[in-house]
Structures are given as C-alpha cells and as structure tokens.
Amino acid sequence: MAKLRIERGLIKEAGLWLIRADHLSLVFQQDEFDNGRSQEIWRIVEGTRDTFAFGPATVGVDGVNVPNTLSSENQDLTGEALQKVIGTPYHRGSTILPSFSPSRSLKNRFG
C-alpha cells in the first residue's frame, strides 16, 4: 500500500532559512516497502509563491495539474546524487500520515 508523507523544508532563497521560514510538501510514496532508495520517482505537491505582472503575489500549489517527482523538483537528479542533495526521508524529518488510505482515483493520478 502506498504512503503519504508530509515534509517540512527550509526556504533557502533570500536567506529566509535564517529565520526558520519553511514550507510544507506532500510526498506520495508508491511502494510502502521502499526505504528511500527509489525516492526519485515519489510524487510531490508543494506550496509556491506565484507572482504576476499586475497584482499581488498569491499562494499557489505546484504538482497538482502536472505530477512532479522529487527528481524533477531537484534538477532531475537520481540515486545517490539526489540523496546527497535532499538526504533520506529520515534525515528530512519525513512523517508518514497514519490514516492515509489511497483511493483508486488517487492511485491512478499519482501512481
């Protein structure tokens, strides 16, 4: 059965990590027995800050209409190279949501 994880990441741009500014990501792990070795294919949905030529910046979501993977969100790195950049799920503080039971439609969309 798949797992849904929630992860917290520090915002690196503009030194915002210095004041512990962060954002949350939802990560969809397709294989419950995967301990992070194939995390490059895990799907990710994360919050963004959308800016427009006219008008205020708004909060958006990246990865809803077009599925993103941890690899595609990190310069298409895979394997050990990806792990060096983002670490393992354990080191990122990834938390598995305990009551997640994926529906058939969610599996079709992300799986």
PDB file of N, CA and C in Angstrom:
ATOM      1  N   MET A   1       0.839  -1.172   0.000  1.00  0.00           N
ATOM      2  CA  MET A   1       0.000   0.000   0.000  1.00  0.00           C
ATOM      3  C   MET A   1       0.890   1.243   0.000  1.00  0.00           C
ATOM      4  N   ALA A   2       0.448   2.243  -0.685  1.00  0.00           N
ATOM      5  CA  ALA A   2       1.197   3.486  -0.781  1.00  0.00           C
ATOM      6  C   ALA A   2       1.189   4.235   0.547  1.00  0.00           C
ATOM      7  N   LYS A   3       2.088   5.214   0.653  1.00  0.00           N
ATOM      8  CA  LYS A   3       2.163   6.056   1.851  1.00  0.00           C
ATOM      9  C   LYS A   3       2.130   7.513   1.429  1.00  0.00           C
ATOM     10  N   LEU A   4       1.507   8.326   2.242  1.00  0.00           N
ATOM     11  CA  LEU A   4       1.528   9.764   2.046  1.00  0.00           C
ATOM     12  C   LEU A   4       2.369  10.349   3.163  1.00  0.00           C
ATOM     13  N   ARG A   5       3.348  11.155   2.777  1.00  0.00           N
ATOM     14  CA  ARG A   5       4.263  11.749   3.741  1.00  0.00           C
ATOM     15  C   ARG A   5       4.095  13.259   3.739  1.00  0.00           C
ATOM     16  N   ILE A   6       4.358  13.870   4.866  1.00  0.00           N
ATOM     17  CA  ILE A   6       4.413  15.325   4.939  1.00  0.00           C
ATOM     18  C   ILE A   6       5.835  15.693   5.334  1.00  0.00           C
ATOM     19  N   GLU A   7       6.394  16.667   4.617  1.00  0.00           N
ATOM     20  CA  GLU A   7       7.782  17.068   4.861  1.00  0.00           C
ATOM     21  C   GLU A   7       7.861  18.580   4.977  1.00  0.00           C
ATOM     22  N   ARG A   8       8.750  19.024   5.811  1.00  0.00           N
ATOM     23  CA  ARG A   8       8.992  20.441   6.042  1.00  0.00           C
ATOM     24  C   ARG A   8      10.361  20.778   5.477  1.00  0.00           C
ATOM     25  N   GLY A   9      10.429  21.831   4.672  1.00  0.00           N
ATOM     26  CA  GLY A   9      11.713  22.234   4.103  1.00  0.00           C
ATOM     27  C   GLY A   9      11.972  23.702   4.348  1.00  0.00           C
ATOM     28  N   LEU A  10      13.189  24.027   4.701  1.00  0.00           N
ATOM     29  CA  LEU A  10      13.549  25.430   4.919  1.00  0.00           C
ATOM     30  C   LEU A  10      13.603  26.155   3.585  1.00  0.00           C
ATOM     31  N   ILE A  11      13.166  27.411   3.564  1.00  0.00           N
ATOM     32  CA  ILE A  11      13.214  28.221   2.352  1.00  0.00           C
ATOM     33  C   ILE A  11      14.608  28.821   2.240  1.00  0.00           C
ATOM     34  N   LYS A  12      15.328  28.456   1.165  1.00  0.00           N
ATOM     35  CA  LYS A  12      16.720  28.868   1.024  1.00  0.00           C
ATOM     36  C   LYS A  12      16.887  30.240   0.387  1.00  0.00           C
ATOM     37  N   GLU A  13      15.917  30.659  -0.441  1.00  0.00           N
ATOM     38  CA  GLU A  13      16.107  31.924  -1.136  1.00  0.00           C
ATOM     39  C   GLU A  13      16.020  33.104  -0.177  1.00  0.00           C
ATOM     40  N   ALA A  14      16.814  34.097  -0.481  1.00  0.00           N
ATOM     41  CA  ALA A  14      16.873  35.349   0.288  1.00  0.00           C
ATOM     42  C   ALA A  14      17.245  35.138   1.753  1.00  0.00           C
ATOM     43  N   GLY A  15      17.880  34.023   2.068  1.00  0.00           N
ATOM     44  CA  GLY A  15      18.320  33.770   3.430  1.00  0.00           C
ATOM     45  C   GLY A  15      17.189  33.568   4.420  1.00  0.00           C
ATOM     46  N   LEU A  16      15.991  33.234   3.913  1.00  0.00           N
ATOM     47  CA  LEU A  16      14.848  33.071   4.813  1.00  0.00           C
ATOM     48  C   LEU A  16      15.018  31.905   5.780  1.00  0.00           C
ATOM     49  N   TRP A  17      15.897  30.980   5.460  1.00  0.00           N
ATOM     50  CA  TRP A  17      16.144  29.871   6.372  1.00  0.00           C
ATOM     51  C   TRP A  17      16.739  30.366   7.687  1.00  0.00           C
ATOM     52  N   LEU A  18      17.361  31.534   7.668  1.00  0.00           N
ATOM     53  CA  LEU A  18      17.960  32.076   8.892  1.00  0.00           C
ATOM     54  C   LEU A  18      16.907  32.381   9.954  1.00  0.00           C
ATOM     55  N   ILE A  19      15.694  32.713   9.499  1.00  0.00           N
ATOM     56  CA  ILE A  19      14.620  32.965  10.461  1.00  0.00           C
ATOM     57  C   ILE A  19      13.677  31.758  10.532  1.00  0.00           C
ATOM     58  N   ARG A  20      14.164  30.621  10.067  1.00  0.00           N
ATOM     59  CA  ARG A  20      13.464  29.337  10.097  1.00  0.00           C
ATOM     60  C   ARG A  20      12.158  29.351   9.314  1.00  0.00           C
ATOM     61  N   ALA A  21      12.117  30.154   8.227  1.00  0.00           N
ATOM     62  CA  ALA A  21      10.954  30.135   7.339  1.00  0.00           C
ATOM     63  C   ALA A  21      10.960  28.816   6.578  1.00  0.00           C
ATOM     64  N   ASP A  22       9.812  28.207   6.487  1.00  0.00           N
ATOM     65  CA  ASP A  22       9.752  26.918   5.815  1.00  0.00           C
ATOM     66  C   ASP A  22       8.446  26.751   5.051  1.00  0.00           C
ATOM     67  N   HIS A  23       8.384  25.683   4.269  1.00  0.00           N
ATOM     68  CA  HIS A  23       7.143  25.331   3.591  1.00  0.00           C
ATOM     69  C   HIS A  23       6.932  23.830   3.734  1.00  0.00           C
ATOM     70  N   LEU A  24       5.679  23.427   3.580  1.00  0.00           N
ATOM     71  CA  LEU A  24       5.323  22.019   3.707  1.00  0.00           C
ATOM     72  C   LEU A  24       5.129  21.403   2.328  1.00  0.00           C
ATOM     73  N   SER A  25       5.470  20.138   2.218  1.00  0.00           N
ATOM     74  CA  SER A  25       5.275  19.384   0.984  1.00  0.00           C
ATOM     75  C   SER A  25       4.556  18.089   1.312  1.00  0.00           C
ATOM     76  N   LEU A  26       3.698  17.660   0.404  1.00  0.00           N
ATOM     77  CA  LEU A  26       3.096  16.341   0.492  1.00  0.00           C
ATOM     78  C   LEU A  26       3.813  15.447  -0.501  1.00  0.00           C
ATOM     79  N   VAL A  27       4.277  14.310  -0.036  1.00  0.00           N
ATOM     80  CA  VAL A  27       5.019  13.378  -0.879  1.00  0.00           C
ATOM     81  C   VAL A  27       4.264  12.058  -0.918  1.00  0.00           C
ATOM     82  N   PHE A  28       4.001  11.579  -2.121  1.00  0.00           N
ATOM     83  CA  PHE A  28       3.292  10.327  -2.325  1.00  0.00           C
ATOM     84  C   PHE A  28       4.303   9.233  -2.649  1.00  0.00           C
ATOM     85  N   GLN A  29       4.449   8.278  -1.740  1.00  0.00           N
ATOM     86  CA  GLN A  29       5.384   7.160  -1.892  1.00  0.00           C
ATOM     87  C   GLN A  29       4.587   5.959  -2.407  1.00  0.00           C
ATOM     88  N   GLN A  30       4.876   5.529  -3.634  1.00  0.00           N
ATOM     89  CA  GLN A  30       4.077   4.496  -4.270  1.00  0.00           C
ATOM     90  C   GLN A  30       4.228   3.118  -3.641  1.00  0.00           C
ATOM     91  N   ASP A  31       5.397   2.800  -3.123  1.00  0.00           N
ATOM     92  CA  ASP A  31       5.678   1.462  -2.590  1.00  0.00           C
ATOM     93  C   ASP A  31       5.954   1.555  -1.090  1.00  0.00           C
ATOM     94  N   GLU A  32       5.131   0.904  -0.278  1.00  0.00           N
ATOM     95  CA  GLU A  32       5.299   1.015   1.172  1.00  0.00           C
ATOM     96  C   GLU A  32       6.604   0.419   1.675  1.00  0.00           C
ATOM     97  N   PHE A  33       7.232  -0.461   0.915  1.00  0.00           N
ATOM     98  CA  PHE A  33       8.459  -1.109   1.358  1.00  0.00           C
ATOM     99  C   PHE A  33       9.716  -0.375   0.900  1.00  0.00           C
ATOM    100  N   ASP A  34       9.554   0.686   0.144  1.00  0.00           N
ATOM    101  CA  ASP A  34      10.687   1.474  -0.325  1.00  0.00           C
ATOM    102  C   ASP A  34      11.224   2.295   0.834  1.00  0.00           C
ATOM    103  N   ASN A  35      12.477   2.099   1.173  1.00  0.00           N
ATOM    104  CA  ASN A  35      13.068   2.830   2.300  1.00  0.00           C
ATOM    105  C   ASN A  35      13.770   4.111   1.861  1.00  0.00           C
ATOM    106  N   GLY A  36      13.532   4.530   0.640  1.00  0.00           N
ATOM    107  CA  GLY A  36      14.136   5.763   0.137  1.00  0.00           C
ATOM    108  C   GLY A  36      15.075   5.539  -1.019  1.00  0.00           C
ATOM    109  N   ARG A  37      15.324   4.285  -1.382  1.00  0.00           N
ATOM    110  CA  ARG A  37      16.258   4.010  -2.476  1.00  0.00           C
ATOM    111  C   ARG A  37      15.738   4.488  -3.829  1.00  0.00           C
ATOM    112  N   SER A  38      14.439   4.505  -4.012  1.00  0.00           N
ATOM    113  CA  SER A  38      13.888   4.973  -5.290  1.00  0.00           C
ATOM    114  C   SER A  38      13.027   6.218  -5.099  1.00  0.00           C
ATOM    115  N   GLN A  39      13.454   7.092  -4.188  1.00  0.00           N
ATOM    116  CA  GLN A  39      12.670   8.285  -3.896  1.00  0.00           C
ATOM    117  C   GLN A  39      12.611   9.259  -5.069  1.00  0.00           C
ATOM    118  N   GLU A  40      13.426   9.069  -6.087  1.00  0.00           N
ATOM    119  CA  GLU A  40      13.358   9.975  -7.238  1.00  0.00           C
ATOM    120  C   GLU A  40      12.026   9.868  -7.985  1.00  0.00           C
ATOM    121  N   ILE A  41      11.306   8.765  -7.829  1.00  0.00           N
ATOM    122  CA  ILE A  41      10.007   8.625  -8.506  1.00  0.00           C
ATOM    123  C   ILE A  41       8.833   9.002  -7.601  1.00  0.00           C
ATOM    124  N   TRP A  42       9.079   9.311  -6.348  1.00  0.00           N
ATOM    125  CA  TRP A  42       7.999   9.708  -5.446  1.00  0.00           C
ATOM    126  C   TRP A  42       7.410  11.018  -5.951  1.00  0.00           C
ATOM    127  N   ARG A  43       6.098  11.136  -5.923  1.00  0.00           N
ATOM    128  CA  ARG A  43       5.401  12.333  -6.385  1.00  0.00           C
ATOM    129  C   ARG A  43       5.367  13.377  -5.269  1.00  0.00           C
ATOM    130  N   ILE A  44       5.388  14.651  -5.668  1.00  0.00           N
ATOM    131  CA  ILE A  44       5.407  15.728  -4.677  1.00  0.00           C
ATOM    132  C   ILE A  44       4.447  16.841  -5.073  1.00  0.00           C
ATOM    133  N   VAL A  45       3.762  17.373  -4.080  1.00  0.00           N
ATOM    134  CA  VAL A  45       2.911  18.553  -4.228  1.00  0.00           C
ATOM    135  C   VAL A  45       3.397  19.530  -3.172  1.00  0.00           C
ATOM    136  N   GLU A  46       3.714  20.752  -3.601  1.00  0.00           N
ATOM    137  CA  GLU A  46       4.235  21.716  -2.637  1.00  0.00           C
ATOM    138  C   GLU A  46       3.692  23.106  -2.890  1.00  0.00           C
ATOM    139  N   GLY A  47       3.696  23.894  -1.853  1.00  0.00           N
ATOM    140  CA  GLY A  47       3.227  25.269  -1.942  1.00  0.00           C
ATOM    141  C   GLY A  47       4.240  26.144  -2.654  1.00  0.00           C
ATOM    142  N   THR A  48       3.724  27.144  -3.377  1.00  0.00           N
ATOM    143  CA  THR A  48       4.582  28.085  -4.092  1.00  0.00           C
ATOM    144  C   THR A  48       4.092  29.506  -3.846  1.00  0.00           C
ATOM    145  N   ARG A  49       4.896  30.434  -4.232  1.00  0.00           N
ATOM    146  CA  ARG A  49       4.513  31.852  -4.198  1.00  0.00           C
ATOM    147  C   ARG A  49       4.438  32.294  -5.648  1.00  0.00           C
ATOM    148  N   ASP A  50       3.236  32.566  -6.106  1.00  0.00           N
ATOM    149  CA  ASP A  50       3.033  32.949  -7.503  1.00  0.00           C
ATOM    150  C   ASP A  50       2.998  34.463  -7.619  1.00  0.00           C
ATOM    151  N   THR A  51       3.776  34.988  -8.555  1.00  0.00           N
ATOM    152  CA  THR A  51       3.785  36.434  -8.786  1.00  0.00           C
ATOM    153  C   THR A  51       3.287  36.703 -10.200  1.00  0.00           C
ATOM    154  N   PHE A  52       2.640  37.833 -10.364  1.00  0.00           N
ATOM    155  CA  PHE A  52       2.085  38.218 -11.652  1.00  0.00           C
ATOM    156  C   PHE A  52       2.560  39.619 -11.992  1.00  0.00           C
ATOM    157  N   ALA A  53       2.523  39.971 -13.272  1.00  0.00           N
ATOM    158  CA  ALA A  53       2.963  41.300 -13.702  1.00  0.00           C
ATOM    159  C   ALA A  53       2.126  42.394 -13.040  1.00  0.00           C
ATOM    160  N   PHE A  54       0.834  42.137 -12.914  1.00  0.00           N
ATOM    161  CA  PHE A  54      -0.058  43.109 -12.290  1.00  0.00           C
ATOM    162  C   PHE A  54      -0.786  42.435 -11.145  1.00  0.00           C
ATOM    163  N   GLY A  55      -0.745  43.033  -9.995  1.00  0.00           N
ATOM    164  CA  GLY A  55      -1.459  42.470  -8.863  1.00  0.00           C
ATOM    165  C   GLY A  55      -0.520  41.861  -7.841  1.00  0.00           C
ATOM    166  N   PRO A  56      -1.078  41.492  -6.712  1.00  0.00           N
ATOM    167  CA  PRO A  56      -0.259  40.969  -5.613  1.00  0.00           C
ATOM    168  C   PRO A  56       0.176  39.523  -5.860  1.00  0.00           C
ATOM    169  N   ALA A  57       1.170  39.116  -5.127  1.00  0.00           N
ATOM    170  CA  ALA A  57       1.603  37.719  -5.165  1.00  0.00           C
ATOM    171  C   ALA A  57       0.557  36.873  -4.445  1.00  0.00           C
ATOM    172  N   THR A  58       0.390  35.657  -4.902  1.00  0.00           N
ATOM    173  CA  THR A  58      -0.571  34.756  -4.279  1.00  0.00           C
ATOM    174  C   THR A  58       0.109  33.441  -3.941  1.00  0.00           C
ATOM    175  N   VAL A  59      -0.550  32.659  -3.132  1.00  0.00           N
ATOM    176  CA  VAL A  59      -0.051  31.337  -2.782  1.00  0.00           C
ATOM    177  C   VAL A  59      -0.589  30.355  -3.811  1.00  0.00           C
ATOM    178  N   GLY A  60       0.284  29.491  -4.314  1.00  0.00           N
ATOM    179  CA  GLY A  60      -0.123  28.507  -5.298  1.00  0.00           C
ATOM    180  C   GLY A  60       0.303  27.120  -4.871  1.00  0.00           C
ATOM    181  N   VAL A  61       0.003  26.163  -5.718  1.00  0.00           N
ATOM    182  CA  VAL A  61       0.372  24.774  -5.467  1.00  0.00           C
ATOM    183  C   VAL A  61       1.030  24.229  -6.716  1.00  0.00           C
ATOM    184  N   ASP A  62       2.193  23.644  -6.566  1.00  0.00           N
ATOM    185  CA  ASP A  62       2.938  23.068  -7.673  1.00  0.00           C
ATOM    186  C   ASP A  62       2.823  21.546  -7.610  1.00  0.00           C
ATOM    187  N   GLY A  63       2.492  20.927  -8.727  1.00  0.00           N
ATOM    188  CA  GLY A  63       2.418  19.478  -8.775  1.00  0.00           C
ATOM    189  C   GLY A  63       1.014  18.921  -8.783  1.00  0.00           C
ATOM    190  N   VAL A  64       0.006  19.781  -8.905  1.00  0.00           N
ATOM    191  CA  VAL A  64      -1.372  19.302  -8.918  1.00  0.00           C
ATOM    192  C   VAL A  64      -1.795  18.920 -10.335  1.00  0.00           C
ATOM    193  N   ASN A  65      -1.606  19.813 -11.291  1.00  0.00           N
ATOM    194  CA  ASN A  65      -2.029  19.545 -12.666  1.00  0.00           C
ATOM    195  C   ASN A  65      -1.048  18.669 -13.430  1.00  0.00           C
ATOM    196  N   VAL A  66       0.216  18.858 -13.182  1.00  0.00           N
ATOM    197  CA  VAL A  66       1.261  18.037 -13.802  1.00  0.00           C
ATOM    198  C   VAL A  66       2.044  17.389 -12.667  1.00  0.00           C
ATOM    199  N   PRO A  67       1.996  16.070 -12.559  1.00  0.00           N
ATOM    200  CA  PRO A  67       2.696  15.413 -11.446  1.00  0.00           C
ATOM    201  C   PRO A  67       4.198  15.689 -11.464  1.00  0.00           C
ATOM    202  N   ASN A  68       4.719  16.120 -10.335  1.00  0.00           N
ATOM    203  CA  ASN A  68       6.155  16.337 -10.166  1.00  0.00           C
ATOM    204  C   ASN A  68       6.717  15.215  -9.309  1.00  0.00           C
ATOM    205  N   THR A  69       7.972  14.912  -9.519  1.00  0.00           N
ATOM    206  CA  THR A  69       8.662  13.927  -8.688  1.00  0.00           C
ATOM    207  C   THR A  69       9.744  14.632  -7.887  1.00  0.00           C
ATOM    208  N   LEU A  70      10.264  13.949  -6.888  1.00  0.00           N
ATOM    209  CA  LEU A  70      11.381  14.528  -6.138  1.00  0.00           C
ATOM    210  C   LEU A  70      12.561  14.785  -7.059  1.00  0.00           C
ATOM    211  N   SER A  71      12.734  13.931  -8.064  1.00  0.00           N
ATOM    212  CA  SER A  71      13.810  14.128  -9.027  1.00  0.00           C
ATOM    213  C   SER A  71      13.582  15.383  -9.867  1.00  0.00           C
ATOM    214  N   SER A  72      12.385  15.538 -10.428  1.00  0.00           N
ATOM    215  CA  SER A  72      12.116  16.699 -11.291  1.00  0.00           C
ATOM    216  C   SER A  72      12.170  18.013 -10.515  1.00  0.00           C
ATOM    217  N   GLU A  73      11.903  17.980  -9.239  1.00  0.00           N
ATOM    218  CA  GLU A  73      11.975  19.183  -8.421  1.00  0.00           C
ATOM    219  C   GLU A  73      13.400  19.487  -7.956  1.00  0.00           C
ATOM    220  N   ASN A  74      14.343  18.608  -8.256  1.00  0.00           N
ATOM    221  CA  ASN A  74      15.742  18.780  -7.837  1.00  0.00           C
ATOM    222  C   ASN A  74      16.684  18.533  -9.004  1.00  0.00           C
ATOM    223  N   GLN A  75      16.528  19.316 -10.056  1.00  0.00           N
ATOM    224  CA  GLN A  75      17.384  19.295 -11.241  1.00  0.00           C
ATOM    225  C   GLN A  75      17.519  17.910 -11.883  1.00  0.00           C
ATOM    226  N   ASP A  76      16.479  17.088 -11.810  1.00  0.00           N
ATOM    227  CA  ASP A  76      16.445  15.745 -12.401  1.00  0.00           C
ATOM    228  C   ASP A  76      17.544  14.823 -11.876  1.00  0.00           C
ATOM    229  N   LEU A  77      17.992  15.065 -10.664  1.00  0.00           N
ATOM    230  CA  LEU A  77      18.981  14.173 -10.047  1.00  0.00           C
ATOM    231  C   LEU A  77      18.319  12.855  -9.672  1.00  0.00           C
ATOM    232  N   THR A  78      19.094  11.781  -9.686  1.00  0.00           N
ATOM    233  CA  THR A  78      18.581  10.469  -9.298  1.00  0.00           C
ATOM    234  C   THR A  78      19.595   9.764  -8.400  1.00  0.00           C
ATOM    235  N   GLY A  79      19.149   8.706  -7.769  1.00  0.00           N
ATOM    236  CA  GLY A  79      20.033   7.842  -6.983  1.00  0.00           C
ATOM    237  C   GLY A  79      20.813   8.573  -5.912  1.00  0.00           C
ATOM    238  N   GLU A  80      22.099   8.246  -5.855  1.00  0.00           N
ATOM    239  CA  GLU A  80      22.986   8.812  -4.823  1.00  0.00           C
ATOM    240  C   GLU A  80      23.136  10.325  -4.947  1.00  0.00           C
ATOM    241  N   ALA A  81      23.113  10.839  -6.186  1.00  0.00           N
ATOM    242  CA  ALA A  81      23.246  12.289  -6.380  1.00  0.00           C
ATOM    243  C   ALA A  81      22.055  13.020  -5.755  1.00  0.00           C
ATOM    244  N   LEU A  82      20.859  12.480  -5.931  1.00  0.00           N
ATOM    245  CA  LEU A  82      19.676  13.086  -5.316  1.00  0.00           C
ATOM    246  C   LEU A  82      19.745  12.988  -3.803  1.00  0.00           C
ATOM    247  N   GLN A  83      20.163  11.848  -3.311  1.00  0.00           N
ATOM    248  CA  GLN A  83      20.250  11.653  -1.861  1.00  0.00           C
ATOM    249  C   GLN A  83      21.259  12.608  -1.230  1.00  0.00           C
ATOM    250  N   LYS A  84      22.341  12.925  -1.933  1.00  0.00           N
ATOM    251  CA  LYS A  84      23.321  13.881  -1.406  1.00  0.00           C
ATOM    252  C   LYS A  84      22.723  15.275  -1.266  1.00  0.00           C
ATOM    253  N   VAL A  85      21.792  15.628  -2.172  1.00  0.00           N
ATOM    254  CA  VAL A  85      21.192  16.957  -2.146  1.00  0.00           C
ATOM    255  C   VAL A  85      20.053  17.049  -1.136  1.00  0.00           C
ATOM    256  N   ILE A  86      19.138  16.084  -1.153  1.00  0.00           N
ATOM    257  CA  ILE A  86      17.950  16.184  -0.290  1.00  0.00           C
ATOM    258  C   ILE A  86      17.994  15.270   0.921  1.00  0.00           C
ATOM    259  N   GLY A  87      18.938  14.342   0.963  1.00  0.00           N
ATOM    260  CA  GLY A  87      19.036  13.418   2.083  1.00  0.00           C
ATOM    261  C   GLY A  87      18.033  12.283   1.974  1.00  0.00           C
ATOM    262  N   THR A  88      17.923  11.532   3.024  1.00  0.00           N
ATOM    263  CA  THR A  88      16.969  10.430   3.081  1.00  0.00           C
ATOM    264  C   THR A  88      15.674  10.939   3.719  1.00  0.00           C
ATOM    265  N   PRO A  89      14.583  10.195   3.572  1.00  0.00           N
ATOM    266  CA  PRO A  89      13.350  10.618   4.234  1.00  0.00           C
ATOM    267  C   PRO A  89      13.550  10.800   5.744  1.00  0.00           C
ATOM    268  N   TYR A  90      14.335   9.940   6.349  1.00  0.00           N
ATOM    269  CA  TYR A  90      14.604  10.034   7.783  1.00  0.00           C
ATOM    270  C   TYR A  90      15.303  11.356   8.118  1.00  0.00           C
ATOM    271  N   HIS A  91      16.333  11.710   7.354  1.00  0.00           N
ATOM    272  CA  HIS A  91      17.085  12.926   7.632  1.00  0.00           C
ATOM    273  C   HIS A  91      16.295  14.195   7.320  1.00  0.00           C
ATOM    274  N   ARG A  92      15.312  14.111   6.416  1.00  0.00           N
ATOM    275  CA  ARG A  92      14.457  15.265   6.118  1.00  0.00           C
ATOM    276  C   ARG A  92      13.355  15.423   7.147  1.00  0.00           C
ATOM    277  N   GLY A  93      13.199  14.455   8.033  1.00  0.00           N
ATOM    278  CA  GLY A  93      12.126  14.516   9.018  1.00  0.00           C
ATOM    279  C   GLY A  93      10.775  14.182   8.415  1.00  0.00           C
ATOM    280  N   SER A  94      10.791  13.387   7.364  1.00  0.00           N
ATOM    281  CA  SER A  94       9.564  12.998   6.685  1.00  0.00           C
ATOM    282  C   SER A  94       8.666  12.201   7.632  1.00  0.00           C
ATOM    283  N   THR A  95       7.388  12.578   7.687  1.00  0.00           N
ATOM    284  CA  THR A  95       6.443  11.919   8.568  1.00  0.00           C
ATOM    285  C   THR A  95       5.361  11.243   7.742  1.00  0.00           C
ATOM    286  N   ILE A  96       5.136   9.968   7.994  1.00  0.00           N
ATOM    287  CA  ILE A  96       4.094   9.230   7.294  1.00  0.00           C
ATOM    288  C   ILE A  96       2.762   9.535   7.962  1.00  0.00           C
ATOM    289  N   LEU A  97       1.787   9.929   7.164  1.00  0.00           N
ATOM    290  CA  LEU A  97       0.456  10.190   7.701  1.00  0.00           C
ATOM    291  C   LEU A  97      -0.212   8.851   7.984  1.00  0.00           C
ATOM    292  N   PRO A  98      -0.566   8.577   9.232  1.00  0.00           N
ATOM    293  CA  PRO A  98      -1.015   7.241   9.632  1.00  0.00           C
ATOM    294  C   PRO A  98      -2.378   6.825   9.108  1.00  0.00           C
ATOM    295  N   SER A  99      -3.278   7.749   8.833  1.00  0.00           N
ATOM    296  CA  SER A  99      -4.631   7.359   8.459  1.00  0.00           C
ATOM    297  C   SER A  99      -4.871   7.420   6.959  1.00  0.00           C
ATOM    298  N   PHE A 100      -3.801   7.477   6.176  1.00  0.00           N
ATOM    299  CA  PHE A 100      -3.950   7.594   4.729  1.00  0.00           C
ATOM    300  C   PHE A 100      -4.295   6.243   4.117  1.00  0.00           C
ATOM    301  N   SER A 101      -5.364   6.217   3.355  1.00  0.00           N
ATOM    302  CA  SER A 101      -5.753   5.036   2.596  1.00  0.00           C
ATOM    303  C   SER A 101      -6.051   5.511   1.185  1.00  0.00           C
ATOM    304  N   PRO A 102      -5.120   5.301   0.251  1.00  0.00           N
ATOM    305  CA  PRO A 102      -5.284   5.890  -1.077  1.00  0.00           C
ATOM    306  C   PRO A 102      -6.498   5.347  -1.813  1.00  0.00           C
ATOM    307  N   SER A 103      -7.249   6.246  -2.414  1.00  0.00           N
ATOM    308  CA  SER A 103      -8.388   5.832  -3.219  1.00  0.00           C
ATOM    309  C   SER A 103      -7.897   5.410  -4.595  1.00  0.00           C
ATOM    310  N   ARG A 104      -8.737   4.771  -5.326  1.00  0.00           N
ATOM    311  CA  ARG A 104      -8.376   4.310  -6.663  1.00  0.00           C
ATOM    312  C   ARG A 104      -8.040   5.506  -7.558  1.00  0.00           C
ATOM    313  N   SER A 105      -8.785   6.606  -7.439  1.00  0.00           N
ATOM    314  CA  SER A 105      -8.529   7.771  -8.289  1.00  0.00           C
ATOM    315  C   SER A 105      -7.184   8.404  -7.967  1.00  0.00           C
ATOM    316  N   LEU A 106      -6.793   8.433  -6.698  1.00  0.00           N
ATOM    317  CA  LEU A 106      -5.507   8.987  -6.317  1.00  0.00           C
ATOM    318  C   LEU A 106      -4.384   8.108  -6.842  1.00  0.00           C
ATOM    319  N   LYS A 107      -4.547   6.803  -6.763  1.00  0.00           N
ATOM    320  CA  LYS A 107      -3.526   5.896  -7.298  1.00  0.00           C
ATOM    321  C   LYS A 107      -3.370   6.081  -8.795  1.00  0.00           C
ATOM    322  N   ASN A 108      -4.468   6.278  -9.507  1.00  0.00           N
ATOM    323  CA  ASN A 108      -4.403   6.483 -10.948  1.00  0.00           C
ATOM    324  C   ASN A 108      -3.725   7.794 -11.289  1.00  0.00           C
ATOM    325  N   ARG A 109      -3.957   8.817 -10.469  1.00  0.00           N
ATOM    326  CA  ARG A 109      -3.380  10.131 -10.747  1.00  0.00           C
ATOM    327  C   ARG A 109      -1.882  10.174 -10.456  1.00  0.00           C
ATOM    328  N   PHE A 110      -1.464   9.613  -9.314  1.00  0.00           N
ATOM    329  CA  PHE A 110      -0.065   9.698  -8.906  1.00  0.00           C
ATOM    330  C   PHE A 110       0.724   8.432  -9.156  1.00  0.00           C
ATOM    331  N   GLY A 111       0.101   7.293  -9.175  1.00  0.00           N
ATOM    332  CA  GLY A 111       0.797   6.019  -9.273  1.00  0.00           C
ATOM    333  C   GLY A 111       1.188   5.702 -10.648  1.00  0.00           C
TER     334      GLY A 111
END
